[in-house]
């Protein structure tokens, strides 16, 4: 697993509260098929395989971004890529969407909310 200094690993519950309040933007770095199958409502998809940290500024203030993936590994890689590019993002959701679902938080599927 990647170790990065000064990374904030947020719980799914904390991310949910901040996202609901409009304080953070969840950026899902899973691949498009994974995102289409099940996702967090309001999250945007920027797959790690084609990730460009410079494009985060088009979405929001990078400081308000929280990366999310399936388990927490790819989201750490996205933070590493951002730092290498000089883009300040320091937060990711520990446990990824798996942790989100384990916490009983809602997801969207192609057929609707679950």
PDB file of N, CA and C in Angstrom:
ATOM      1  N   UNK A   1       0.839  -1.182   0.000  1.00  0.00           N
ATOM      2  CA  UNK A   1       0.000   0.000   0.000  1.00  0.00           C
ATOM      3  C   UNK A   1       0.883   1.245   0.000  1.00  0.00           C
ATOM      4  N   UNK A   2       0.450   2.256  -0.683  1.00  0.00           N
ATOM      5  CA  UNK A   2       1.176   3.528  -0.741  1.00  0.00           C
ATOM      6  C   UNK A   2       1.072   4.241   0.591  1.00  0.00           C
ATOM      7  N   UNK A   3       2.180   4.745   1.090  1.00  0.00           N
ATOM      8  CA  UNK A   3       2.197   5.571   2.295  1.00  0.00           C
ATOM      9  C   UNK A   3       2.517   6.996   1.862  1.00  0.00           C
ATOM     10  N   UNK A   4       1.646   7.923   2.212  1.00  0.00           N
ATOM     11  CA  UNK A   4       1.840   9.326   1.851  1.00  0.00           C
ATOM     12  C   UNK A   4       1.684  10.156   3.117  1.00  0.00           C
ATOM     13  N   UNK A   5       2.609  11.044   3.345  1.00  0.00           N
ATOM     14  CA  UNK A   5       2.586  11.891   4.536  1.00  0.00           C
ATOM     15  C   UNK A   5       1.432  12.891   4.473  1.00  0.00           C
ATOM     16  N   UNK A   6       0.844  13.128   5.641  1.00  0.00           N
ATOM     17  CA  UNK A   6      -0.194  14.152   5.810  1.00  0.00           C
ATOM     18  C   UNK A   6      -1.457  13.900   4.988  1.00  0.00           C
ATOM     19  N   UNK A   7      -1.832  12.663   4.826  1.00  0.00           N
ATOM     20  CA  UNK A   7      -3.077  12.332   4.140  1.00  0.00           C
ATOM     21  C   UNK A   7      -4.177  12.188   5.179  1.00  0.00           C
ATOM     22  N   UNK A   8      -5.325  12.764   4.891  1.00  0.00           N
ATOM     23  CA  UNK A   8      -6.485  12.616   5.761  1.00  0.00           C
ATOM     24  C   UNK A   8      -7.317  11.445   5.247  1.00  0.00           C
ATOM     25  N   UNK A   9      -7.423  10.401   6.049  1.00  0.00           N
ATOM     26  CA  UNK A   9      -8.264   9.272   5.715  1.00  0.00           C
ATOM     27  C   UNK A   9      -9.575   9.472   6.458  1.00  0.00           C
ATOM     28  N   UNK A  10     -10.608   9.807   5.710  1.00  0.00           N
ATOM     29  CA  UNK A  10     -11.905  10.133   6.297  1.00  0.00           C
ATOM     30  C   UNK A  10     -12.815   8.918   6.314  1.00  0.00           C
ATOM     31  N   UNK A  11     -13.665   8.852   7.325  1.00  0.00           N
ATOM     32  CA  UNK A  11     -14.643   7.765   7.388  1.00  0.00           C
ATOM     33  C   UNK A  11     -15.766   8.039   6.389  1.00  0.00           C
ATOM     34  N   UNK A  12     -16.450   6.995   6.003  1.00  0.00           N
ATOM     35  CA  UNK A  12     -17.588   7.143   5.099  1.00  0.00           C
ATOM     36  C   UNK A  12     -18.639   8.067   5.708  1.00  0.00           C
ATOM     37  N   UNK A  13     -18.858   7.950   6.999  1.00  0.00           N
ATOM     38  CA  UNK A  13     -19.860   8.779   7.672  1.00  0.00           C
ATOM     39  C   UNK A  13     -19.477  10.256   7.621  1.00  0.00           C
ATOM     40  N   UNK A  14     -18.188  10.568   7.836  1.00  0.00           N
ATOM     41  CA  UNK A  14     -17.732  11.957   7.771  1.00  0.00           C
ATOM     42  C   UNK A  14     -17.843  12.510   6.349  1.00  0.00           C
ATOM     43  N   UNK A  15     -17.483  11.687   5.367  1.00  0.00           N
ATOM     44  CA  UNK A  15     -17.599  12.118   3.967  1.00  0.00           C
ATOM     45  C   UNK A  15     -19.066  12.340   3.612  1.00  0.00           C
ATOM     46  N   UNK A  16     -19.935  11.455   4.039  1.00  0.00           N
ATOM     47  CA  UNK A  16     -21.366  11.594   3.764  1.00  0.00           C
ATOM     48  C   UNK A  16     -21.890  12.914   4.328  1.00  0.00           C
ATOM     49  N   UNK A  17     -21.544  13.223   5.570  1.00  0.00           N
ATOM     50  CA  UNK A  17     -22.006  14.464   6.202  1.00  0.00           C
ATOM     51  C   UNK A  17     -21.485  15.695   5.467  1.00  0.00           C
ATOM     52  N   UNK A  18     -20.213  15.690   5.121  1.00  0.00           N
ATOM     53  CA  UNK A  18     -19.621  16.832   4.415  1.00  0.00           C
ATOM     54  C   UNK A  18     -20.178  16.964   3.003  1.00  0.00           C
ATOM     55  N   UNK A  19     -20.389  15.836   2.342  1.00  0.00           N
ATOM     56  CA  UNK A  19     -20.935  15.839   0.976  1.00  0.00           C
ATOM     57  C   UNK A  19     -22.379  16.346   0.982  1.00  0.00           C
ATOM     58  N   UNK A  20     -23.161  15.876   1.943  1.00  0.00           N
ATOM     59  CA  UNK A  20     -24.558  16.301   2.065  1.00  0.00           C
ATOM     60  C   UNK A  20     -24.647  17.798   2.342  1.00  0.00           C
ATOM     61  N   UNK A  21     -23.697  18.313   3.118  1.00  0.00           N
ATOM     62  CA  UNK A  21     -23.671  19.742   3.452  1.00  0.00           C
ATOM     63  C   UNK A  21     -23.061  20.592   2.337  1.00  0.00           C
ATOM     64  N   UNK A  22     -22.558  19.943   1.280  1.00  0.00           N
ATOM     65  CA  UNK A  22     -21.982  20.674   0.160  1.00  0.00           C
ATOM     66  C   UNK A  22     -20.565  21.170   0.398  1.00  0.00           C
ATOM     67  N   UNK A  23     -19.887  20.601   1.387  1.00  0.00           N
ATOM     68  CA  UNK A  23     -18.534  21.054   1.708  1.00  0.00           C
ATOM     69  C   UNK A  23     -17.447  20.321   0.933  1.00  0.00           C
ATOM     70  N   UNK A  24     -17.772  19.157   0.376  1.00  0.00           N
ATOM     71  CA  UNK A  24     -16.774  18.393  -0.377  1.00  0.00           C
ATOM     72  C   UNK A  24     -17.373  17.869  -1.677  1.00  0.00           C
ATOM     73  N   UNK A  25     -16.494  17.594  -2.608  1.00  0.00           N
ATOM     74  CA  UNK A  25     -16.853  16.925  -3.855  1.00  0.00           C
ATOM     75  C   UNK A  25     -16.182  15.563  -3.830  1.00  0.00           C
ATOM     76  N   UNK A  26     -16.968  14.523  -3.983  1.00  0.00           N
ATOM     77  CA  UNK A  26     -16.418  13.171  -4.035  1.00  0.00           C
ATOM     78  C   UNK A  26     -15.999  12.875  -5.471  1.00  0.00           C
ATOM     79  N   UNK A  27     -14.724  12.551  -5.649  1.00  0.00           N
ATOM     80  CA  UNK A  27     -14.207  12.165  -6.956  1.00  0.00           C
ATOM     81  C   UNK A  27     -13.887  10.672  -6.903  1.00  0.00           C
ATOM     82  N   UNK A  28     -14.663   9.908  -7.639  1.00  0.00           N
ATOM     83  CA  UNK A  28     -14.547   8.460  -7.697  1.00  0.00           C
ATOM     84  C   UNK A  28     -13.521   8.111  -8.769  1.00  0.00           C
ATOM     85  N   UNK A  29     -12.429   7.460  -8.371  1.00  0.00           N
ATOM     86  CA  UNK A  29     -11.361   7.158  -9.321  1.00  0.00           C
ATOM     87  C   UNK A  29     -11.417   5.719  -9.845  1.00  0.00           C
ATOM     88  N   UNK A  30     -12.554   5.047  -9.627  1.00  0.00           N
ATOM     89  CA  UNK A  30     -12.727   3.700 -10.197  1.00  0.00           C
ATOM     90  C   UNK A  30     -12.972   3.819 -11.701  1.00  0.00           C
ATOM     91  N   UNK A  31     -12.926   2.711 -12.367  1.00  0.00           N
ATOM     92  CA  UNK A  31     -13.132   2.691 -13.818  1.00  0.00           C
ATOM     93  C   UNK A  31     -14.608   2.913 -14.151  1.00  0.00           C
ATOM     94  N   UNK A  32     -14.904   3.390 -15.375  1.00  0.00           N
ATOM     95  CA  UNK A  32     -16.277   3.730 -15.749  1.00  0.00           C
ATOM     96  C   UNK A  32     -17.292   2.601 -15.535  1.00  0.00           C
ATOM     97  N   UNK A  33     -16.921   1.363 -15.809  1.00  0.00           N
ATOM     98  CA  UNK A  33     -17.848   0.254 -15.608  1.00  0.00           C
ATOM     99  C   UNK A  33     -18.207   0.065 -14.143  1.00  0.00           C
ATOM    100  N   UNK A  34     -17.219   0.238 -13.265  1.00  0.00           N
ATOM    101  CA  UNK A  34     -17.466   0.128 -11.827  1.00  0.00           C
ATOM    102  C   UNK A  34     -18.395   1.263 -11.370  1.00  0.00           C
ATOM    103  N   UNK A  35     -18.109   2.456 -11.864  1.00  0.00           N
ATOM    104  CA  UNK A  35     -18.904   3.632 -11.509  1.00  0.00           C
ATOM    105  C   UNK A  35     -20.340   3.478 -11.993  1.00  0.00           C
ATOM    106  N   UNK A  36     -20.513   2.982 -13.207  1.00  0.00           N
ATOM    107  CA  UNK A  36     -21.856   2.808 -13.755  1.00  0.00           C
ATOM    108  C   UNK A  36     -22.645   1.760 -12.976  1.00  0.00           C
ATOM    109  N   UNK A  37     -21.961   0.730 -12.525  1.00  0.00           N
ATOM    110  CA  UNK A  37     -22.639  -0.349 -11.808  1.00  0.00           C
ATOM    111  C   UNK A  37     -23.176   0.113 -10.460  1.00  0.00           C
ATOM    112  N   UNK A  38     -22.388   0.914  -9.748  1.00  0.00           N
ATOM    113  CA  UNK A  38     -22.821   1.405  -8.435  1.00  0.00           C
ATOM    114  C   UNK A  38     -21.939   2.570  -8.031  1.00  0.00           C
ATOM    115  N   UNK A  39     -22.567   3.623  -7.531  1.00  0.00           N
ATOM    116  CA  UNK A  39     -21.825   4.835  -7.208  1.00  0.00           C
ATOM    117  C   UNK A  39     -22.514   5.604  -6.088  1.00  0.00           C
ATOM    118  N   UNK A  40     -21.792   6.572  -5.558  1.00  0.00           N
ATOM    119  CA  UNK A  40     -22.334   7.479  -4.561  1.00  0.00           C
ATOM    120  C   UNK A  40     -23.007   8.626  -5.310  1.00  0.00           C
ATOM    121  N   UNK A  41     -24.236   8.929  -4.949  1.00  0.00           N
ATOM    122  CA  UNK A  41     -24.979  10.014  -5.606  1.00  0.00           C
ATOM    123  C   UNK A  41     -24.191  11.314  -5.499  1.00  0.00           C
ATOM    124  N   UNK A  42     -24.027  11.983  -6.633  1.00  0.00           N
ATOM    125  CA  UNK A  42     -23.323  13.258  -6.670  1.00  0.00           C
ATOM    126  C   UNK A  42     -21.830  13.155  -6.873  1.00  0.00           C
ATOM    127  N   UNK A  43     -21.289  11.954  -6.802  1.00  0.00           N
ATOM    128  CA  UNK A  43     -19.857  11.770  -7.055  1.00  0.00           C
ATOM    129  C   UNK A  43     -19.594  11.932  -8.551  1.00  0.00           C
ATOM    130  N   UNK A  44     -18.395  12.383  -8.878  1.00  0.00           N
ATOM    131  CA  UNK A  44     -17.993  12.470 -10.279  1.00  0.00           C
ATOM    132  C   UNK A  44     -16.922  11.429 -10.538  1.00  0.00           C
ATOM    133  N   UNK A  45     -16.894  10.903 -11.735  1.00  0.00           N
ATOM    134  CA  UNK A  45     -15.969   9.838 -12.089  1.00  0.00           C
ATOM    135  C   UNK A  45     -14.791  10.380 -12.869  1.00  0.00           C
ATOM    136  N   UNK A  46     -13.595  10.156 -12.336  1.00  0.00           N
ATOM    137  CA  UNK A  46     -12.348  10.478 -13.007  1.00  0.00           C
ATOM    138  C   UNK A  46     -11.438   9.267 -12.820  1.00  0.00           C
ATOM    139  N   UNK A  47     -11.522   8.284 -13.743  1.00  0.00           N
ATOM    140  CA  UNK A  47     -10.795   7.025 -13.583  1.00  0.00           C
ATOM    141  C   UNK A  47      -9.289   7.214 -13.406  1.00  0.00           C
ATOM    142  N   UNK A  48      -8.734   6.456 -12.490  1.00  0.00           N
ATOM    143  CA  UNK A  48      -7.299   6.541 -12.230  1.00  0.00           C
ATOM    144  C   UNK A  48      -6.488   6.208 -13.479  1.00  0.00           C
ATOM    145  N   UNK A  49      -6.993   5.312 -14.328  1.00  0.00           N
ATOM    146  CA  UNK A  49      -6.248   4.894 -15.521  1.00  0.00           C
ATOM    147  C   UNK A  49      -6.003   6.036 -16.506  1.00  0.00           C
ATOM    148  N   UNK A  50      -6.815   7.080 -16.446  1.00  0.00           N
ATOM    149  CA  UNK A  50      -6.627   8.237 -17.331  1.00  0.00           C
ATOM    150  C   UNK A  50      -6.641   9.540 -16.532  1.00  0.00           C
ATOM    151  N   UNK A  51      -6.289   9.461 -15.275  1.00  0.00           N
ATOM    152  CA  UNK A  51      -6.403  10.582 -14.351  1.00  0.00           C
ATOM    153  C   UNK A  51      -5.435  11.708 -14.688  1.00  0.00           C
ATOM    154  N   UNK A  52      -5.959  12.936 -14.706  1.00  0.00           N
ATOM    155  CA  UNK A  52      -5.149  14.129 -14.926  1.00  0.00           C
ATOM    156  C   UNK A  52      -5.441  15.110 -13.794  1.00  0.00           C
ATOM    157  N   UNK A  53      -4.515  15.251 -12.839  1.00  0.00           N
ATOM    158  CA  UNK A  53      -4.751  16.135 -11.700  1.00  0.00           C
ATOM    159  C   UNK A  53      -5.090  17.571 -12.095  1.00  0.00           C
ATOM    160  N   UNK A  54      -4.565  18.036 -13.215  1.00  0.00           N
ATOM    161  CA  UNK A  54      -4.821  19.415 -13.633  1.00  0.00           C
ATOM    162  C   UNK A  54      -6.299  19.665 -13.911  1.00  0.00           C
ATOM    163  N   UNK A  55      -7.047  18.622 -14.250  1.00  0.00           N
ATOM    164  CA  UNK A  55      -8.463  18.799 -14.562  1.00  0.00           C
ATOM    165  C   UNK A  55      -9.344  18.939 -13.330  1.00  0.00           C
ATOM    166  N   UNK A  56      -8.797  18.715 -12.143  1.00  0.00           N
ATOM    167  CA  UNK A  56      -9.600  18.863 -10.928  1.00  0.00           C
ATOM    168  C   UNK A  56     -10.096  20.290 -10.743  1.00  0.00           C
ATOM    169  N   UNK A  57      -9.305  21.261 -11.163  1.00  0.00           N
ATOM    170  CA  UNK A  57      -9.702  22.660 -11.013  1.00  0.00           C
ATOM    171  C   UNK A  57     -10.977  22.975 -11.787  1.00  0.00           C
ATOM    172  N   UNK A  58     -11.279  22.191 -12.826  1.00  0.00           N
ATOM    173  CA  UNK A  58     -12.522  22.387 -13.576  1.00  0.00           C
ATOM    174  C   UNK A  58     -13.733  21.946 -12.768  1.00  0.00           C
ATOM    175  N   UNK A  59     -13.520  21.073 -11.802  1.00  0.00           N
ATOM    176  CA  UNK A  59     -14.615  20.524 -11.010  1.00  0.00           C
ATOM    177  C   UNK A  59     -14.911  21.368  -9.776  1.00  0.00           C
ATOM    178  N   UNK A  60     -13.876  21.699  -9.038  1.00  0.00           N
ATOM    179  CA  UNK A  60     -14.042  22.372  -7.753  1.00  0.00           C
ATOM    180  C   UNK A  60     -12.678  22.822  -7.261  1.00  0.00           C
ATOM    181  N   UNK A  61     -12.684  23.495  -6.136  1.00  0.00           N
ATOM    182  CA  UNK A  61     -11.434  23.807  -5.451  1.00  0.00           C
ATOM    183  C   UNK A  61     -10.806  22.473  -5.071  1.00  0.00           C
ATOM    184  N   UNK A  62      -9.613  22.165  -5.556  1.00  0.00           N
ATOM    185  CA  UNK A  62      -9.016  20.866  -5.238  1.00  0.00           C
ATOM    186  C   UNK A  62      -8.946  20.572  -3.738  1.00  0.00           C
ATOM    187  N   UNK A  63      -8.864  21.597  -2.913  1.00  0.00           N
ATOM    188  CA  UNK A  63      -8.805  21.384  -1.467  1.00  0.00           C
ATOM    189  C   UNK A  63     -10.107  20.801  -0.922  1.00  0.00           C
ATOM    190  N   UNK A  64     -11.210  20.923  -1.678  1.00  0.00           N
ATOM    191  CA  UNK A  64     -12.489  20.385  -1.211  1.00  0.00           C
ATOM    192  C   UNK A  64     -12.763  18.980  -1.758  1.00  0.00           C
ATOM    193  N   UNK A  65     -11.818  18.432  -2.511  1.00  0.00           N
ATOM    194  CA  UNK A  65     -11.985  17.122  -3.127  1.00  0.00           C
ATOM    195  C   UNK A  65     -11.669  16.009  -2.131  1.00  0.00           C
ATOM    196  N   UNK A  66     -12.508  14.984  -2.141  1.00  0.00           N
ATOM    197  CA  UNK A  66     -12.238  13.745  -1.403  1.00  0.00           C
ATOM    198  C   UNK A  66     -12.261  12.626  -2.437  1.00  0.00           C
ATOM    199  N   UNK A  67     -11.130  11.936  -2.565  1.00  0.00           N
ATOM    200  CA  UNK A  67     -11.069  10.818  -3.497  1.00  0.00           C
ATOM    201  C   UNK A  67     -11.709   9.582  -2.883  1.00  0.00           C
ATOM    202  N   UNK A  68     -12.319   8.778  -3.753  1.00  0.00           N
ATOM    203  CA  UNK A  68     -12.975   7.546  -3.345  1.00  0.00           C
ATOM    204  C   UNK A  68     -12.758   6.505  -4.426  1.00  0.00           C
ATOM    205  N   UNK A  69     -12.586   5.266  -4.007  1.00  0.00           N
ATOM    206  CA  UNK A  69     -12.438   4.167  -4.965  1.00  0.00           C
ATOM    207  C   UNK A  69     -13.186   2.958  -4.415  1.00  0.00           C
ATOM    208  N   UNK A  70     -12.705   1.784  -4.701  1.00  0.00           N
ATOM    209  CA  UNK A  70     -13.374   0.582  -4.216  1.00  0.00           C
ATOM    210  C   UNK A  70     -13.028   0.242  -2.779  1.00  0.00           C
ATOM    211  N   UNK A  71     -11.747   0.431  -2.408  1.00  0.00           N
ATOM    212  CA  UNK A  71     -11.313   0.029  -1.071  1.00  0.00           C
ATOM    213  C   UNK A  71     -10.412   1.043  -0.370  1.00  0.00           C
ATOM    214  N   UNK A  72      -9.895   2.016  -1.104  1.00  0.00           N
ATOM    215  CA  UNK A  72      -9.015   3.023  -0.519  1.00  0.00           C
ATOM    216  C   UNK A  72      -7.613   3.029  -1.097  1.00  0.00           C
ATOM    217  N   UNK A  73      -7.288   2.057  -1.944  1.00  0.00           N
ATOM    218  CA  UNK A  73      -5.944   1.982  -2.516  1.00  0.00           C
ATOM    219  C   UNK A  73      -5.783   2.953  -3.687  1.00  0.00           C
ATOM    220  N   UNK A  74      -6.696   2.918  -4.638  1.00  0.00           N
ATOM    221  CA  UNK A  74      -6.586   3.805  -5.806  1.00  0.00           C
ATOM    222  C   UNK A  74      -6.751   5.265  -5.414  1.00  0.00           C
ATOM    223  N   UNK A  75      -7.557   5.537  -4.400  1.00  0.00           N
ATOM    224  CA  UNK A  75      -7.720   6.927  -3.962  1.00  0.00           C
ATOM    225  C   UNK A  75      -6.407   7.471  -3.411  1.00  0.00           C
ATOM    226  N   UNK A  76      -5.623   6.646  -2.727  1.00  0.00           N
ATOM    227  CA  UNK A  76      -4.295   7.080  -2.276  1.00  0.00           C
ATOM    228  C   UNK A  76      -3.368   7.321  -3.463  1.00  0.00           C
ATOM    229  N   UNK A  77      -3.462   6.486  -4.478  1.00  0.00           N
ATOM    230  CA  UNK A  77      -2.647   6.688  -5.682  1.00  0.00           C
ATOM    231  C   UNK A  77      -3.006   8.016  -6.347  1.00  0.00           C
ATOM    232  N   UNK A  78      -4.293   8.373  -6.347  1.00  0.00           N
ATOM    233  CA  UNK A  78      -4.718   9.648  -6.938  1.00  0.00           C
ATOM    234  C   UNK A  78      -4.116  10.823  -6.169  1.00  0.00           C
ATOM    235  N   UNK A  79      -4.067  10.720  -4.843  1.00  0.00           N
ATOM    236  CA  UNK A  79      -3.431  11.773  -4.043  1.00  0.00           C
ATOM    237  C   UNK A  79      -1.957  11.884  -4.406  1.00  0.00           C
ATOM    238  N   UNK A  80      -1.298  10.751  -4.557  1.00  0.00           N
ATOM    239  CA  UNK A  80       0.119  10.744  -4.951  1.00  0.00           C
ATOM    240  C   UNK A  80       0.311  11.445  -6.299  1.00  0.00           C
ATOM    241  N   UNK A  81      -0.540  11.135  -7.272  1.00  0.00           N
ATOM    242  CA  UNK A  81      -0.455  11.779  -8.587  1.00  0.00           C
ATOM    243  C   UNK A  81      -0.679  13.290  -8.481  1.00  0.00           C
ATOM    244  N   UNK A  82      -1.618  13.689  -7.654  1.00  0.00           N
ATOM    245  CA  UNK A  82      -1.881  15.120  -7.469  1.00  0.00           C
ATOM    246  C   UNK A  82      -0.666  15.824  -6.891  1.00  0.00           C
ATOM    247  N   UNK A  83      -0.106  15.251  -5.859  1.00  0.00           N
ATOM    248  CA  UNK A  83       1.058  15.875  -5.220  1.00  0.00           C
ATOM    249  C   UNK A  83       2.231  15.966  -6.181  1.00  0.00           C
ATOM    250  N   UNK A  84       2.425  14.942  -6.991  1.00  0.00           N
ATOM    251  CA  UNK A  84       3.514  14.963  -7.972  1.00  0.00           C
ATOM    252  C   UNK A  84       3.303  16.070  -9.000  1.00  0.00           C
ATOM    253  N   UNK A  85       2.024  16.425  -9.238  1.00  0.00           N
ATOM    254  CA  UNK A  85       1.698  17.476 -10.210  1.00  0.00           C
ATOM    255  C   UNK A  85       1.549  18.846  -9.540  1.00  0.00           C
ATOM    256  N   UNK A  86       1.758  18.915  -8.234  1.00  0.00           N
ATOM    257  CA  UNK A  86       1.644  20.191  -7.530  1.00  0.00           C
ATOM    258  C   UNK A  86       0.215  20.604  -7.212  1.00  0.00           C
ATOM    259  N   UNK A  87      -0.721  19.668  -7.259  1.00  0.00           N
ATOM    260  CA  UNK A  87      -2.126  19.944  -6.953  1.00  0.00           C
ATOM    261  C   UNK A  87      -2.388  19.476  -5.519  1.00  0.00           C
ATOM    262  N   UNK A  88      -2.923  20.377  -4.707  1.00  0.00           N
ATOM    263  CA  UNK A  88      -3.116  20.070  -3.292  1.00  0.00           C
ATOM    264  C   UNK A  88      -4.463  19.394  -3.054  1.00  0.00           C
ATOM    265  N   UNK A  89      -4.410  18.099  -2.876  1.00  0.00           N
ATOM    266  CA  UNK A  89      -5.551  17.296  -2.437  1.00  0.00           C
ATOM    267  C   UNK A  89      -4.997  16.409  -1.332  1.00  0.00           C
ATOM    268  N   UNK A  90      -5.645  16.409  -0.177  1.00  0.00           N
ATOM    269  CA  UNK A  90      -5.086  15.640   0.928  1.00  0.00           C
ATOM    270  C   UNK A  90      -6.055  14.652   1.563  1.00  0.00           C
ATOM    271  N   UNK A  91      -7.264  14.483   0.988  1.00  0.00           N
ATOM    272  CA  UNK A  91      -8.266  13.642   1.636  1.00  0.00           C
ATOM    273  C   UNK A  91      -8.764  12.519   0.736  1.00  0.00           C
ATOM    274  N   UNK A  92      -8.940  11.366   1.372  1.00  0.00           N
ATOM    275  CA  UNK A  92      -9.577  10.249   0.685  1.00  0.00           C
ATOM    276  C   UNK A  92     -10.452   9.521   1.690  1.00  0.00           C
ATOM    277  N   UNK A  93     -11.388   8.745   1.165  1.00  0.00           N
ATOM    278  CA  UNK A  93     -12.311   8.012   2.017  1.00  0.00           C
ATOM    279  C   UNK A  93     -11.754   6.619   2.270  1.00  0.00           C
ATOM    280  N   UNK A  94     -11.452   6.334   3.514  1.00  0.00           N
ATOM    281  CA  UNK A  94     -10.971   5.017   3.893  1.00  0.00           C
ATOM    282  C   UNK A  94     -12.044   3.964   3.635  1.00  0.00           C
ATOM    283  N   UNK A  95     -11.629   2.842   3.078  1.00  0.00           N
ATOM    284  CA  UNK A  95     -12.564   1.755   2.814  1.00  0.00           C
ATOM    285  C   UNK A  95     -13.324   1.872   1.518  1.00  0.00           C
ATOM    286  N   UNK A  96     -13.231   3.014   0.844  1.00  0.00           N
ATOM    287  CA  UNK A  96     -13.887   3.202  -0.445  1.00  0.00           C
ATOM    288  C   UNK A  96     -15.389   2.979  -0.394  1.00  0.00           C
ATOM    289  N   UNK A  97     -15.950   2.660  -1.545  1.00  0.00           N
ATOM    290  CA  UNK A  97     -17.399   2.450  -1.612  1.00  0.00           C
ATOM    291  C   UNK A  97     -17.810   1.222  -0.782  1.00  0.00           C
ATOM    292  N   UNK A  98     -16.883   0.299  -0.594  1.00  0.00           N
ATOM    293  CA  UNK A  98     -17.165  -0.845   0.272  1.00  0.00           C
ATOM    294  C   UNK A  98     -17.438  -0.403   1.697  1.00  0.00           C
ATOM    295  N   UNK A  99     -16.641   0.537   2.196  1.00  0.00           N
ATOM    296  CA  UNK A  99     -16.861   1.079   3.531  1.00  0.00           C
ATOM    297  C   UNK A  99     -18.130   1.901   3.612  1.00  0.00           C
ATOM    298  N   UNK A 100     -18.430   2.612   2.527  1.00  0.00           N
ATOM    299  CA  UNK A 100     -19.662   3.398   2.436  1.00  0.00           C
ATOM    300  C   UNK A 100     -20.873   2.487   2.593  1.00  0.00           C
ATOM    301  N   UNK A 101     -20.876   1.398   1.835  1.00  0.00           N
ATOM    302  CA  UNK A 101     -22.004   0.461   1.893  1.00  0.00           C
ATOM    303  C   UNK A 101     -22.053  -0.257   3.241  1.00  0.00           C
ATOM    304  N   UNK A 102     -20.902  -0.599   3.799  1.00  0.00           N
ATOM    305  CA  UNK A 102     -20.865  -1.264   5.100  1.00  0.00           C
ATOM    306  C   UNK A 102     -21.455  -0.364   6.188  1.00  0.00           C
ATOM    307  N   UNK A 103     -21.352   0.946   5.987  1.00  0.00           N
ATOM    308  CA  UNK A 103     -21.924   1.906   6.930  1.00  0.00           C
ATOM    309  C   UNK A 103     -23.407   2.135   6.722  1.00  0.00           C
ATOM    310  N   UNK A 104     -23.991   1.416   5.767  1.00  0.00           N
ATOM    311  CA  UNK A 104     -25.422   1.548   5.513  1.00  0.00           C
ATOM    312  C   UNK A 104     -25.800   2.795   4.733  1.00  0.00           C
ATOM    313  N   UNK A 105     -24.841   3.418   4.083  1.00  0.00           N
ATOM    314  CA  UNK A 105     -25.106   4.645   3.325  1.00  0.00           C
ATOM    315  C   UNK A 105     -25.581   4.292   1.918  1.00  0.00           C
ATOM    316  N   UNK A 106     -26.428   5.146   1.329  1.00  0.00           N
ATOM    317  CA  UNK A 106     -27.056   4.810   0.048  1.00  0.00           C
ATOM    318  C   UNK A 106     -26.116   4.941  -1.147  1.00  0.00           C
ATOM    319  N   UNK A 107     -26.353   4.102  -2.128  1.00  0.00           N
ATOM    320  CA  UNK A 107     -25.647   4.185  -3.406  1.00  0.00           C
ATOM    321  C   UNK A 107     -26.672   4.232  -4.523  1.00  0.00           C
ATOM    322  N   UNK A 108     -26.209   4.613  -5.688  1.00  0.00           N
ATOM    323  CA  UNK A 108     -27.040   4.598  -6.902  1.00  0.00           C
ATOM    324  C   UNK A 108     -26.555   3.476  -7.785  1.00  0.00           C
ATOM    325  N   UNK A 109     -27.493   2.869  -8.464  1.00  0.00           N
ATOM    326  CA  UNK A 109     -27.180   1.872  -9.497  1.00  0.00           C
ATOM    327  C   UNK A 109     -27.867   2.352 -10.764  1.00  0.00           C
ATOM    328  N   UNK A 110     -27.534   1.744 -11.855  1.00  0.00           N
ATOM    329  CA  UNK A 110     -28.152   2.126 -13.121  1.00  0.00           C
ATOM    330  C   UNK A 110     -29.668   2.114 -13.026  1.00  0.00           C
ATOM    331  N   UNK A 111     -30.232   1.258 -12.202  1.00  0.00           N
ATOM    332  CA  UNK A 111     -31.681   1.154 -12.057  1.00  0.00           C
ATOM    333  C   UNK A 111     -32.276   2.041 -10.980  1.00  0.00           C
ATOM    334  N   UNK A 112     -31.462   2.816 -10.282  1.00  0.00           N
ATOM    335  CA  UNK A 112     -31.983   3.694  -9.246  1.00  0.00           C
ATOM    336  C   UNK A 112     -31.195   3.611  -7.957  1.00  0.00           C
ATOM    337  N   UNK A 113     -31.702   4.242  -6.907  1.00  0.00           N
ATOM    338  CA  UNK A 113     -31.014   4.290  -5.615  1.00  0.00           C
ATOM    339  C   UNK A 113     -31.196   2.984  -4.870  1.00  0.00           C
ATOM    340  N   UNK A 114     -30.155   2.582  -4.199  1.00  0.00           N
ATOM    341  CA  UNK A 114     -30.204   1.347  -3.421  1.00  0.00           C
ATOM    342  C   UNK A 114     -29.855   1.641  -1.984  1.00  0.00           C
TER     343      UNK A 114
END
